[in-house]
Amino acid sequence: MIRKILCSVLVFAVLALALSGCSLWTKDSQPADDQTSTQDNTTGNNDENLQSSAIKLNLYFPTNDNEAVIKEIRELSVKDGEVANAAVMALLEGPKDSSLRNAFPEGTKLLSIKIEGNTATVDFSKQFNQVGGSVAEIVERVSLVNTLTDIKGIEKVKILIEGKDLIGPSGFPLGELKKTELDAQGKPVPGETRTFTLYFGSPDADAVKAEKRDVVYPKGEDLVKVIFDELAKGPGTQGLIPSIPEGTRLMSVDKKDGVCSINLSKEFIDNQTGGSAGEAITIYSIVNSLTELPGIDKVQFLIEGQVREYYTHAEFSEPFPRNESFIQK
């Protein structure tokens, strides 16, 4: 028994490091053959008068010893097209296979599901957070995220606990999670590990200051996205200031002739509240972090696909080169 427990901990150790950040590892997997798709969803409506249909879904459950997460294909009755809702409710009910277990603590309730674009935001009762131990926490999230991302149209999952972001071991919100790649035995496939230099606002808000961070990320993931996601989590060093406006999404990346063009959502503009100083910190937090990568000399900002003449104060239409003079040593 002790040997099995140690094996379980070792298998999931690298995954635990990855989950201290905001994303699970990505995998392109096939949904069940006759699965229907959903773009909107939502809140556990059990009205018997709603139209029902039977579909097959992939549900993921941990083994009883927590050594793997296994797919169980189930036929579910789905009302009014609420596929994601049906999938989560089936997870809460637990597996049919006796070698598998329910990933969620007893008493966990689904409060709501909202589908926006390719992201499912799932709100649970507080019992979701009452699992025992770090491995159990990991397999709970893998069970949920892999199940939902096997539904056509869902690529990411954000978990809320009674309306508030689920906090990871790092002390930061986990944010939008992606599918964990599993091998044929249901064990996580390790990702890449790299140390990045990230820049956040200095304590006096008059410069940016470097922070070294070890990050585990999916094999093949664009490093620009990895860096942006880490910046969006905020600093881990006490006294440094977050730099990315809340809710900002990285929509696309393009690299050509030393210029990295990043296309950001409108929240990058709408939620910037720091005035001219805050704008400078935001801009050079991103620019100086990305120009740490080989082959990137400048950063061009796009907002919802368009070049803007101004951020709100700063000129914003031309690519920004690295600014060493704005780095606090």
C-alpha atoms as a PDB file:
ATOM      1  CA  MET A   1       0.000   0.000   0.000  1.00  0.00           C
ATOM      2  CA  ILE A   2       2.794   2.444   0.899  1.00  0.00           C
ATOM      3  CA  ARG A   3       4.486   1.677  -2.412  1.00  0.00           C
ATOM      4  CA  LYS A   4       1.287   2.440  -4.311  1.00  0.00           C
ATOM      5  CA  ILE A   5       0.808   5.734  -2.524  1.00  0.00           C
ATOM      6  CA  LEU A   6       4.387   6.778  -3.270  1.00  0.00           C
ATOM      7  CA  CYS A   7       3.926   5.813  -6.920  1.00  0.00           C
ATOM      8  CA  SER A   8       0.760   7.909  -7.133  1.00  0.00           C
ATOM      9  CA  VAL A   9       2.478  10.937  -5.667  1.00  0.00           C
ATOM     10  CA  LEU A  10       5.429  10.616  -8.055  1.00  0.00           C
ATOM     11  CA  VAL A  11       3.200  10.195 -11.114  1.00  0.00           C
ATOM     12  CA  PHE A  12       1.289  13.370 -10.359  1.00  0.00           C
ATOM     13  CA  ALA A  13       4.179  15.454  -8.979  1.00  0.00           C
ATOM     14  CA  VAL A  14       4.980  17.183 -12.258  1.00  0.00           C
ATOM     15  CA  LEU A  15       1.280  17.765 -12.895  1.00  0.00           C
ATOM     16  CA  ALA A  16       0.986  19.387  -9.463  1.00  0.00           C
ATOM     17  CA  LEU A  17       3.687  21.881 -10.459  1.00  0.00           C
ATOM     18  CA  ALA A  18       1.816  22.689 -13.645  1.00  0.00           C
ATOM     19  CA  LEU A  19      -1.450  23.167 -11.784  1.00  0.00           C
ATOM     20  CA  SER A  20       0.091  25.782  -9.508  1.00  0.00           C
ATOM     21  CA  GLY A  21      -0.399  27.943 -12.566  1.00  0.00           C
ATOM     22  CA  CYS A  22      -3.437  28.594 -14.649  1.00  0.00           C
ATOM     23  CA  SER A  23      -3.696  25.817 -17.105  1.00  0.00           C
ATOM     24  CA  LEU A  24      -3.884  22.111 -17.514  1.00  0.00           C
ATOM     25  CA  TRP A  25      -1.927  20.404 -20.261  1.00  0.00           C
ATOM     26  CA  THR A  26      -3.587  20.290 -23.644  1.00  0.00           C
ATOM     27  CA  LYS A  27      -4.625  17.267 -25.688  1.00  0.00           C
ATOM     28  CA  ASP A  28      -6.620  16.970 -28.890  1.00  0.00           C
ATOM     29  CA  SER A  29      -8.874  13.990 -28.217  1.00  0.00           C
ATOM     30  CA  GLN A  30     -11.894  12.591 -29.975  1.00  0.00           C
ATOM     31  CA  PRO A  31     -15.336  12.973 -28.385  1.00  0.00           C
ATOM     32  CA  ALA A  32     -17.728  10.055 -28.210  1.00  0.00           C
ATOM     33  CA  ASP A  33     -18.985   9.202 -31.694  1.00  0.00           C
ATOM     34  CA  ASP A  34     -22.559  10.470 -31.479  1.00  0.00           C
ATOM     35  CA  GLN A  35     -21.944  13.352 -29.093  1.00  0.00           C
ATOM     36  CA  THR A  36     -23.891  16.523 -29.790  1.00  0.00           C
ATOM     37  CA  SER A  37     -22.396  19.983 -29.359  1.00  0.00           C
ATOM     38  CA  THR A  38     -23.273  22.922 -27.146  1.00  0.00           C
ATOM     39  CA  GLN A  39     -22.495  26.622 -27.397  1.00  0.00           C
ATOM     40  CA  ASP A  40     -24.772  27.869 -24.631  1.00  0.00           C
ATOM     41  CA  ASN A  41     -25.705  26.079 -21.527  1.00  0.00           C
ATOM     42  CA  THR A  42     -26.852  26.336 -18.381  1.00  0.00           C
ATOM     43  CA  THR A  43     -27.919  25.986 -14.966  1.00  0.00           C
ATOM     44  CA  GLY A  44     -29.209  22.493 -14.228  1.00  0.00           C
ATOM     45  CA  ASN A  45     -32.818  22.945 -15.451  1.00  0.00           C
ATOM     46  CA  ASN A  46     -34.702  19.736 -14.671  1.00  0.00           C
ATOM     47  CA  ASP A  47     -38.069  20.705 -16.198  1.00  0.00           C
ATOM     48  CA  GLU A  48     -39.600  17.441 -17.441  1.00  0.00           C
ATOM     49  CA  ASN A  49     -41.289  19.317 -20.307  1.00  0.00           C
ATOM     50  CA  LEU A  50     -37.964  20.202 -21.961  1.00  0.00           C
ATOM     51  CA  GLN A  51     -37.026  18.228 -25.057  1.00  0.00           C
ATOM     52  CA  SER A  52     -34.716  15.307 -24.249  1.00  0.00           C
ATOM     53  CA  SER A  53     -32.245  13.304 -26.294  1.00  0.00           C
ATOM     54  CA  ALA A  54     -29.854  10.465 -25.480  1.00  0.00           C
ATOM     55  CA  ILE A  55     -26.182  10.991 -26.340  1.00  0.00           C
ATOM     56  CA  LYS A  56     -22.858   9.360 -25.506  1.00  0.00           C
ATOM     57  CA  LEU A  57     -20.307  11.377 -23.541  1.00  0.00           C
ATOM     58  CA  ASN A  58     -16.791  10.734 -22.292  1.00  0.00           C
ATOM     59  CA  LEU A  59     -16.679  11.011 -18.506  1.00  0.00           C
ATOM     60  CA  TYR A  60     -13.346  10.917 -16.673  1.00  0.00           C
ATOM     61  CA  PHE A  61     -12.988   9.364 -13.211  1.00  0.00           C
ATOM     62  CA  PRO A  62      -9.914   8.617 -11.064  1.00  0.00           C
ATOM     63  CA  THR A  63      -9.020   5.066 -10.140  1.00  0.00           C
ATOM     64  CA  ASN A  64      -9.567   4.109  -6.520  1.00  0.00           C
ATOM     65  CA  ASP A  65      -5.828   4.436  -5.830  1.00  0.00           C
ATOM     66  CA  ASN A  66      -5.569   7.839  -7.620  1.00  0.00           C
ATOM     67  CA  GLU A  67      -2.874   6.475  -9.940  1.00  0.00           C
ATOM     68  CA  ALA A  68      -4.766   7.272 -13.151  1.00  0.00           C
ATOM     69  CA  VAL A  69      -7.805   9.039 -14.602  1.00  0.00           C
ATOM     70  CA  ILE A  70      -9.858   6.760 -16.860  1.00  0.00           C
ATOM     71  CA  LYS A  71     -12.474   7.572 -19.495  1.00  0.00           C
ATOM     72  CA  GLU A  72     -15.883   5.977 -19.032  1.00  0.00           C
ATOM     73  CA  ILE A  73     -18.224   6.296 -22.032  1.00  0.00           C
ATOM     74  CA  ARG A  74     -21.802   6.803 -20.873  1.00  0.00           C
ATOM     75  CA  GLU A  75     -25.128   7.359 -22.587  1.00  0.00           C
ATOM     76  CA  LEU A  76     -26.909  10.287 -20.945  1.00  0.00           C
ATOM     77  CA  SER A  77     -30.289  11.910 -21.328  1.00  0.00           C
ATOM     78  CA  VAL A  78     -29.762  15.561 -22.229  1.00  0.00           C
ATOM     79  CA  LYS A  79     -32.561  18.090 -21.896  1.00  0.00           C
ATOM     80  CA  ASP A  80     -32.835  21.225 -24.007  1.00  0.00           C
ATOM     81  CA  GLY A  81     -29.311  20.750 -25.400  1.00  0.00           C
ATOM     82  CA  GLU A  82     -27.599  21.264 -22.035  1.00  0.00           C
ATOM     83  CA  VAL A  83     -24.760  18.846 -22.730  1.00  0.00           C
ATOM     84  CA  ALA A  84     -22.206  20.362 -20.334  1.00  0.00           C
ATOM     85  CA  ASN A  85     -24.752  20.425 -17.523  1.00  0.00           C
ATOM     86  CA  ALA A  86     -25.595  16.755 -18.096  1.00  0.00           C
ATOM     87  CA  ALA A  87     -21.911  15.812 -18.118  1.00  0.00           C
ATOM     88  CA  VAL A  88     -21.149  17.524 -14.802  1.00  0.00           C
ATOM     89  CA  MET A  89     -24.237  16.087 -13.141  1.00  0.00           C
ATOM     90  CA  ALA A  90     -23.120  12.614 -14.262  1.00  0.00           C
ATOM     91  CA  LEU A  91     -19.660  13.237 -12.786  1.00  0.00           C
ATOM     92  CA  LEU A  92     -21.260  14.223  -9.496  1.00  0.00           C
ATOM     93  CA  GLU A  93     -23.252  10.972  -9.487  1.00  0.00           C
ATOM     94  CA  GLY A  94     -20.046   8.958  -9.908  1.00  0.00           C
ATOM     95  CA  PRO A  95     -18.808   6.116 -12.130  1.00  0.00           C
ATOM     96  CA  LYS A  96     -20.452   2.789 -12.968  1.00  0.00           C
ATOM     97  CA  ASP A  97     -17.111   0.937 -12.921  1.00  0.00           C
ATOM     98  CA  SER A  98     -16.279  -0.210  -9.389  1.00  0.00           C
ATOM     99  CA  SER A  99     -12.535   0.254 -10.017  1.00  0.00           C
ATOM    100  CA  LEU A 100     -13.146   4.000 -10.384  1.00  0.00           C
ATOM    101  CA  ARG A 101     -14.313   6.540  -7.833  1.00  0.00           C
ATOM    102  CA  ASN A 102     -16.173   9.832  -7.709  1.00  0.00           C
ATOM    103  CA  ALA A 103     -13.601  12.644  -7.946  1.00  0.00           C
ATOM    104  CA  PHE A 104     -15.768  15.133  -6.046  1.00  0.00           C
ATOM    105  CA  PRO A 105     -16.272  15.280  -2.265  1.00  0.00           C
ATOM    106  CA  GLU A 106     -19.633  14.200  -0.928  1.00  0.00           C
ATOM    107  CA  GLY A 107     -22.144  17.033  -0.910  1.00  0.00           C
ATOM    108  CA  THR A 108     -20.611  18.946  -3.833  1.00  0.00           C
ATOM    109  CA  LYS A 109     -23.338  20.747  -5.773  1.00  0.00           C
ATOM    110  CA  LEU A 110     -23.331  22.289  -9.222  1.00  0.00           C
ATOM    111  CA  LEU A 111     -24.524  25.889  -8.911  1.00  0.00           C
ATOM    112  CA  SER A 112     -24.279  26.974 -12.549  1.00  0.00           C
ATOM    113  CA  ILE A 113     -22.535  26.530 -15.883  1.00  0.00           C
ATOM    114  CA  LYS A 114     -22.020  29.297 -18.408  1.00  0.00           C
ATOM    115  CA  ILE A 115     -20.560  28.787 -21.883  1.00  0.00           C
ATOM    116  CA  GLU A 116     -18.918  31.798 -23.520  1.00  0.00           C
ATOM    117  CA  GLY A 117     -17.044  31.180 -26.750  1.00  0.00           C
ATOM    118  CA  ASN A 118     -14.876  28.105 -26.158  1.00  0.00           C
ATOM    119  CA  THR A 119     -14.784  28.458 -22.356  1.00  0.00           C
ATOM    120  CA  ALA A 120     -17.060  26.784 -19.810  1.00  0.00           C
ATOM    121  CA  THR A 121     -17.295  28.553 -16.446  1.00  0.00           C
ATOM    122  CA  VAL A 122     -18.487  26.117 -13.776  1.00  0.00           C
ATOM    123  CA  ASP A 123     -19.578  27.251 -10.313  1.00  0.00           C
ATOM    124  CA  PHE A 124     -19.611  24.694  -7.480  1.00  0.00           C
ATOM    125  CA  SER A 125     -20.568  24.729  -3.834  1.00  0.00           C
ATOM    126  CA  LYS A 126     -17.806  25.007  -1.231  1.00  0.00           C
ATOM    127  CA  GLN A 127     -17.591  21.213  -0.841  1.00  0.00           C
ATOM    128  CA  PHE A 128     -15.651  21.059  -4.141  1.00  0.00           C
ATOM    129  CA  ASN A 129     -12.647  22.418  -2.241  1.00  0.00           C
ATOM    130  CA  GLN A 130     -12.840  19.842   0.545  1.00  0.00           C
ATOM    131  CA  VAL A 131     -10.843  17.038  -1.073  1.00  0.00           C
ATOM    132  CA  GLY A 132      -8.112  15.325   0.914  1.00  0.00           C
ATOM    133  CA  GLY A 133      -4.588  15.996  -0.309  1.00  0.00           C
ATOM    134  CA  SER A 134      -2.860  17.482  -3.338  1.00  0.00           C
ATOM    135  CA  VAL A 135      -3.187  14.396  -5.574  1.00  0.00           C
ATOM    136  CA  ALA A 136      -6.938  14.261  -4.929  1.00  0.00           C
ATOM    137  CA  GLU A 137      -7.187  17.966  -5.821  1.00  0.00           C
ATOM    138  CA  ILE A 138      -5.391  17.352  -9.101  1.00  0.00           C
ATOM    139  CA  VAL A 139      -7.458  14.370 -10.212  1.00  0.00           C
ATOM    140  CA  GLU A 140     -10.647  16.229  -9.265  1.00  0.00           C
ATOM    141  CA  ARG A 141      -9.750  19.012 -11.693  1.00  0.00           C
ATOM    142  CA  VAL A 142      -8.562  16.603 -14.388  1.00  0.00           C
ATOM    143  CA  SER A 143     -11.847  14.694 -14.109  1.00  0.00           C
ATOM    144  CA  LEU A 144     -13.881  17.853 -14.636  1.00  0.00           C
ATOM    145  CA  VAL A 145     -11.744  19.582 -17.259  1.00  0.00           C
ATOM    146  CA  ASN A 146     -11.127  16.531 -19.438  1.00  0.00           C
ATOM    147  CA  THR A 147     -14.823  15.655 -19.377  1.00  0.00           C
ATOM    148  CA  LEU A 148     -15.951  19.124 -20.451  1.00  0.00           C
ATOM    149  CA  THR A 149     -13.223  19.645 -23.054  1.00  0.00           C
ATOM    150  CA  ASP A 150     -14.272  16.393 -24.732  1.00  0.00           C
ATOM    151  CA  ILE A 151     -17.523  18.203 -25.583  1.00  0.00           C
ATOM    152  CA  LYS A 152     -17.380  19.800 -29.017  1.00  0.00           C
ATOM    153  CA  GLY A 153     -16.833  23.566 -28.785  1.00  0.00           C
ATOM    154  CA  ILE A 154     -15.346  23.599 -25.263  1.00  0.00           C
ATOM    155  CA  GLU A 155     -11.566  24.024 -25.061  1.00  0.00           C
ATOM    156  CA  LYS A 156     -11.099  25.619 -21.623  1.00  0.00           C
ATOM    157  CA  VAL A 157     -12.745  25.419 -18.216  1.00  0.00           C
ATOM    158  CA  LYS A 158     -12.826  28.023 -15.460  1.00  0.00           C
ATOM    159  CA  ILE A 159     -13.806  26.815 -11.991  1.00  0.00           C
ATOM    160  CA  LEU A 160     -15.574  29.000  -9.437  1.00  0.00           C
ATOM    161  CA  ILE A 161     -16.397  28.195  -5.822  1.00  0.00           C
ATOM    162  CA  GLU A 162     -19.617  29.953  -4.873  1.00  0.00           C
ATOM    163  CA  GLY A 163     -18.890  32.692  -7.399  1.00  0.00           C
ATOM    164  CA  LYS A 164     -15.181  33.163  -6.632  1.00  0.00           C
ATOM    165  CA  ASP A 165     -12.159  31.939  -8.615  1.00  0.00           C
ATOM    166  CA  LEU A 166     -10.670  28.627  -7.523  1.00  0.00           C
ATOM    167  CA  ILE A 167      -7.261  29.362  -5.967  1.00  0.00           C
ATOM    168  CA  GLY A 168      -4.296  27.118  -6.761  1.00  0.00           C
ATOM    169  CA  PRO A 169      -1.364  26.070  -4.551  1.00  0.00           C
ATOM    170  CA  SER A 170       0.565  29.172  -5.661  1.00  0.00           C
ATOM    171  CA  GLY A 171      -2.051  31.416  -4.060  1.00  0.00           C
ATOM    172  CA  PHE A 172      -3.229  32.721  -7.440  1.00  0.00           C
ATOM    173  CA  PRO A 173      -6.510  31.960  -9.254  1.00  0.00           C
ATOM    174  CA  LEU A 174      -6.154  28.943 -11.532  1.00  0.00           C
ATOM    175  CA  GLY A 175      -7.977  30.765 -14.317  1.00  0.00           C
ATOM    176  CA  GLU A 176      -8.882  28.937 -17.518  1.00  0.00           C
ATOM    177  CA  LEU A 177      -7.767  25.292 -17.501  1.00  0.00           C
ATOM    178  CA  LYS A 178      -7.074  23.085 -20.498  1.00  0.00           C
ATOM    179  CA  LYS A 179      -7.226  19.363 -21.054  1.00  0.00           C
ATOM    180  CA  THR A 180      -4.571  17.220 -19.393  1.00  0.00           C
ATOM    181  CA  GLU A 181      -2.846  14.865 -21.815  1.00  0.00           C
ATOM    182  CA  LEU A 182      -3.132  11.290 -20.565  1.00  0.00           C
ATOM    183  CA  ASP A 183      -1.310   8.197 -21.785  1.00  0.00           C
ATOM    184  CA  ALA A 184      -2.969   4.873 -22.605  1.00  0.00           C
ATOM    185  CA  GLN A 185      -3.016   3.952 -18.905  1.00  0.00           C
ATOM    186  CA  GLY A 186      -4.688   7.230 -17.909  1.00  0.00           C
ATOM    187  CA  LYS A 187      -1.553   8.763 -16.395  1.00  0.00           C
ATOM    188  CA  PRO A 188      -0.508  12.362 -17.147  1.00  0.00           C
ATOM    189  CA  VAL A 189       2.086  12.943 -19.848  1.00  0.00           C
ATOM    190  CA  PRO A 190       4.773  15.334 -18.527  1.00  0.00           C
ATOM    191  CA  GLY A 191       5.111  18.700 -20.238  1.00  0.00           C
ATOM    192  CA  GLU A 192       8.086  20.983 -20.791  1.00  0.00           C
ATOM    193  CA  THR A 193       9.767  22.859 -17.939  1.00  0.00           C
ATOM    194  CA  ARG A 194      11.548  26.183 -18.379  1.00  0.00           C
ATOM    195  CA  THR A 195      12.634  29.165 -16.307  1.00  0.00           C
ATOM    196  CA  PHE A 196      11.239  32.460 -17.618  1.00  0.00           C
ATOM    197  CA  THR A 197      12.144  36.035 -16.735  1.00  0.00           C
ATOM    198  CA  LEU A 198       8.910  37.960 -16.228  1.00  0.00           C
ATOM    199  CA  TYR A 199       8.528  41.667 -15.537  1.00  0.00           C
ATOM    200  CA  PHE A 200       5.955  43.222 -13.200  1.00  0.00           C
ATOM    201  CA  GLY A 201       5.462  46.702 -11.775  1.00  0.00           C
ATOM    202  CA  SER A 202       8.078  47.824  -9.259  1.00  0.00           C
ATOM    203  CA  PRO A 203       6.968  48.643  -5.691  1.00  0.00           C
ATOM    204  CA  ASP A 204       7.126  52.385  -6.474  1.00  0.00           C
ATOM    205  CA  ALA A 205       5.170  51.918  -9.731  1.00  0.00           C
ATOM    206  CA  ASP A 206       7.808  53.797 -11.705  1.00  0.00           C
ATOM    207  CA  ALA A 207       9.481  50.857 -13.500  1.00  0.00           C
ATOM    208  CA  VAL A 208       9.268  47.114 -14.071  1.00  0.00           C
ATOM    209  CA  LYS A 209      11.230  44.568 -12.065  1.00  0.00           C
ATOM    210  CA  ALA A 210      12.251  41.039 -13.048  1.00  0.00           C
ATOM    211  CA  GLU A 211      10.958  37.869 -11.446  1.00  0.00           C
ATOM    212  CA  LYS A 212      12.318  34.404 -12.317  1.00  0.00           C
ATOM    213  CA  ARG A 213       9.653  31.713 -12.552  1.00  0.00           C
ATOM    214  CA  ASP A 214       9.829  27.981 -13.285  1.00  0.00           C
ATOM    215  CA  VAL A 215       6.898  27.004 -15.494  1.00  0.00           C
ATOM    216  CA  VAL A 216       5.619  23.626 -16.683  1.00  0.00           C
ATOM    217  CA  TYR A 217       3.691  23.927 -19.938  1.00  0.00           C
ATOM    218  CA  PRO A 218       2.311  21.622 -22.656  1.00  0.00           C
ATOM    219  CA  LYS A 219       4.735  20.318 -25.242  1.00  0.00           C
ATOM    220  CA  GLY A 220       4.532  22.485 -28.348  1.00  0.00           C
ATOM    221  CA  GLU A 221       2.765  25.386 -26.621  1.00  0.00           C
ATOM    222  CA  ASP A 222       3.650  28.820 -28.051  1.00  0.00           C
ATOM    223  CA  LEU A 223       6.050  30.419 -25.565  1.00  0.00           C
ATOM    224  CA  VAL A 224       4.452  33.827 -26.145  1.00  0.00           C
ATOM    225  CA  LYS A 225       1.201  32.409 -24.808  1.00  0.00           C
ATOM    226  CA  VAL A 226       2.988  30.720 -21.904  1.00  0.00           C
ATOM    227  CA  ILE A 227       4.598  34.029 -20.896  1.00  0.00           C
ATOM    228  CA  PHE A 228       1.380  36.022 -21.290  1.00  0.00           C
ATOM    229  CA  ASP A 229      -0.545  33.512 -19.177  1.00  0.00           C
ATOM    230  CA  GLU A 230       2.096  33.742 -16.450  1.00  0.00           C
ATOM    231  CA  LEU A 231       2.000  37.553 -16.523  1.00  0.00           C
ATOM    232  CA  ALA A 232      -1.788  37.419 -16.222  1.00  0.00           C
ATOM    233  CA  LYS A 233      -1.472  35.433 -12.969  1.00  0.00           C
ATOM    234  CA  GLY A 234       0.379  38.315 -11.381  1.00  0.00           C
ATOM    235  CA  PRO A 235       3.679  38.429  -9.496  1.00  0.00           C
ATOM    236  CA  GLY A 236       4.771  35.878  -6.943  1.00  0.00           C
ATOM    237  CA  THR A 237       7.290  38.266  -5.391  1.00  0.00           C
ATOM    238  CA  GLN A 238       5.992  40.359  -2.508  1.00  0.00           C
ATOM    239  CA  GLY A 239       5.807  44.054  -3.334  1.00  0.00           C
ATOM    240  CA  LEU A 240       5.643  43.739  -7.107  1.00  0.00           C
ATOM    241  CA  ILE A 241       2.543  45.045  -8.876  1.00  0.00           C
ATOM    242  CA  PRO A 242       0.305  43.081 -11.286  1.00  0.00           C
ATOM    243  CA  SER A 243       0.588  44.381 -14.827  1.00  0.00           C
ATOM    244  CA  ILE A 244      -2.162  42.846 -16.977  1.00  0.00           C
ATOM    245  CA  PRO A 245      -5.658  44.417 -16.782  1.00  0.00           C
ATOM    246  CA  GLU A 246      -8.171  41.979 -15.339  1.00  0.00           C
ATOM    247  CA  GLY A 247     -10.003  39.833 -17.857  1.00  0.00           C
ATOM    248  CA  THR A 248      -7.577  40.430 -20.727  1.00  0.00           C
ATOM    249  CA  ARG A 249      -7.428  37.501 -23.145  1.00  0.00           C
ATOM    250  CA  LEU A 250      -4.685  36.718 -25.638  1.00  0.00           C
ATOM    251  CA  MET A 251      -6.647  36.087 -28.827  1.00  0.00           C
ATOM    252  CA  SER A 252      -3.845  35.358 -31.302  1.00  0.00           C
ATOM    253  CA  VAL A 253      -0.096  35.644 -31.874  1.00  0.00           C
ATOM    254  CA  ASP A 254       1.889  36.308 -35.035  1.00  0.00           C
ATOM    255  CA  LYS A 255       5.684  36.522 -35.370  1.00  0.00           C
ATOM    256  CA  LYS A 256       7.503  37.959 -38.390  1.00  0.00           C
ATOM    257  CA  ASP A 257      10.911  39.591 -38.928  1.00  0.00           C
ATOM    258  CA  GLY A 258      11.588  40.016 -35.212  1.00  0.00           C
ATOM    259  CA  VAL A 259       8.183  41.589 -34.481  1.00  0.00           C
ATOM    260  CA  CYS A 260       5.709  39.695 -32.313  1.00  0.00           C
ATOM    261  CA  SER A 261       2.123  40.870 -32.867  1.00  0.00           C
ATOM    262  CA  ILE A 262      -0.224  40.028 -30.007  1.00  0.00           C
ATOM    263  CA  ASN A 263      -3.962  40.423 -30.461  1.00  0.00           C
ATOM    264  CA  LEU A 264      -5.653  41.189 -27.128  1.00  0.00           C
ATOM    265  CA  SER A 265      -9.279  41.449 -26.046  1.00  0.00           C
ATOM    266  CA  LYS A 266     -10.936  44.793 -25.310  1.00  0.00           C
ATOM    267  CA  GLU A 267     -10.499  44.297 -21.555  1.00  0.00           C
ATOM    268  CA  PHE A 268      -6.865  45.282 -22.063  1.00  0.00           C
ATOM    269  CA  ILE A 269      -8.159  48.811 -22.735  1.00  0.00           C
ATOM    270  CA  ASP A 270     -11.390  48.877 -20.743  1.00  0.00           C
ATOM    271  CA  ASN A 271      -9.894  47.606 -17.465  1.00  0.00           C
ATOM    272  CA  GLN A 272      -6.684  49.652 -17.442  1.00  0.00           C
ATOM    273  CA  THR A 273      -6.971  51.899 -14.388  1.00  0.00           C
ATOM    274  CA  GLY A 274      -3.410  52.963 -13.682  1.00  0.00           C
ATOM    275  CA  GLY A 275      -3.137  56.201 -15.688  1.00  0.00           C
ATOM    276  CA  SER A 276       0.021  56.961 -17.664  1.00  0.00           C
ATOM    277  CA  ALA A 277       2.282  55.183 -15.153  1.00  0.00           C
ATOM    278  CA  GLY A 278       0.082  52.098 -15.172  1.00  0.00           C
ATOM    279  CA  GLU A 279       0.075  52.025 -18.964  1.00  0.00           C
ATOM    280  CA  ALA A 280       3.866  52.139 -19.089  1.00  0.00           C
ATOM    281  CA  ILE A 281       4.117  49.271 -16.592  1.00  0.00           C
ATOM    282  CA  THR A 282       1.602  47.195 -18.566  1.00  0.00           C
ATOM    283  CA  ILE A 283       3.299  47.832 -21.907  1.00  0.00           C
ATOM    284  CA  TYR A 284       6.847  47.157 -20.781  1.00  0.00           C
ATOM    285  CA  SER A 285       5.875  44.256 -18.558  1.00  0.00           C
ATOM    286  CA  ILE A 286       4.750  42.513 -21.742  1.00  0.00           C
ATOM    287  CA  VAL A 287       7.392  43.879 -24.121  1.00  0.00           C
ATOM    288  CA  ASN A 288      10.375  43.210 -21.865  1.00  0.00           C
ATOM    289  CA  SER A 289       9.089  39.737 -20.953  1.00  0.00           C
ATOM    290  CA  LEU A 290       8.512  38.707 -24.579  1.00  0.00           C
ATOM    291  CA  THR A 291      11.798  40.135 -25.842  1.00  0.00           C
ATOM    292  CA  GLU A 292      13.567  37.756 -23.463  1.00  0.00           C
ATOM    293  CA  LEU A 293      12.694  35.131 -26.089  1.00  0.00           C
ATOM    294  CA  PRO A 294      15.152  34.670 -28.958  1.00  0.00           C
ATOM    295  CA  GLY A 295      13.905  36.087 -32.250  1.00  0.00           C
ATOM    296  CA  ILE A 296      11.617  38.718 -30.718  1.00  0.00           C
ATOM    297  CA  ASP A 297      12.935  42.296 -30.844  1.00  0.00           C
ATOM    298  CA  LYS A 298       9.688  44.283 -30.776  1.00  0.00           C
ATOM    299  CA  VAL A 299       6.044  43.821 -29.812  1.00  0.00           C
ATOM    300  CA  GLN A 300       3.077  45.136 -31.795  1.00  0.00           C
ATOM    301  CA  PHE A 301      -0.207  45.432 -29.893  1.00  0.00           C
ATOM    302  CA  LEU A 302      -3.569  44.797 -31.555  1.00  0.00           C
ATOM    303  CA  ILE A 303      -6.919  45.164 -29.809  1.00  0.00           C
ATOM    304  CA  GLU A 304      -9.649  42.887 -31.160  1.00  0.00           C
ATOM    305  CA  GLY A 305      -7.635  42.668 -34.385  1.00  0.00           C
ATOM    306  CA  GLN A 306      -7.138  46.419 -34.833  1.00  0.00           C
ATOM    307  CA  VAL A 307      -4.173  48.750 -34.333  1.00  0.00           C
ATOM    308  CA  ARG A 308      -5.008  51.631 -31.975  1.00  0.00           C
ATOM    309  CA  GLU A 309      -3.394  55.051 -32.208  1.00  0.00           C
ATOM    310  CA  TYR A 310      -3.337  55.412 -28.405  1.00  0.00           C
ATOM    311  CA  TYR A 311      -3.621  53.057 -25.444  1.00  0.00           C
ATOM    312  CA  THR A 312      -5.518  55.625 -23.417  1.00  0.00           C
ATOM    313  CA  HIS A 313      -2.606  58.030 -22.993  1.00  0.00           C
ATOM    314  CA  ALA A 314       0.454  56.437 -24.575  1.00  0.00           C
ATOM    315  CA  GLU A 315       1.056  56.273 -28.320  1.00  0.00           C
ATOM    316  CA  PHE A 316       0.257  52.736 -29.263  1.00  0.00           C
ATOM    317  CA  SER A 317       0.279  52.239 -33.029  1.00  0.00           C
ATOM    318  CA  GLU A 318       3.916  51.235 -33.629  1.00  0.00           C
ATOM    319  CA  PRO A 319       5.841  48.162 -32.424  1.00  0.00           C
ATOM    320  CA  PHE A 320       7.538  48.642 -29.032  1.00  0.00           C
ATOM    321  CA  PRO A 321      11.231  47.697 -28.672  1.00  0.00           C
ATOM    322  CA  ARG A 322      12.687  46.406 -25.419  1.00  0.00           C
ATOM    323  CA  ASN A 323      13.225  49.187 -22.854  1.00  0.00           C
ATOM    324  CA  GLU A 324      16.192  48.399 -20.620  1.00  0.00           C
ATOM    325  CA  SER A 325      16.075  51.845 -19.001  1.00  0.00           C
ATOM    326  CA  PHE A 326      12.611  51.066 -17.573  1.00  0.00           C
ATOM    327  CA  ILE A 327      13.880  47.986 -15.706  1.00  0.00           C
ATOM    328  CA  GLN A 328      14.621  48.418 -12.006  1.00  0.00           C
ATOM    329  CA  LYS A 329      17.746  46.454 -11.139  1.00  0.00           C
END
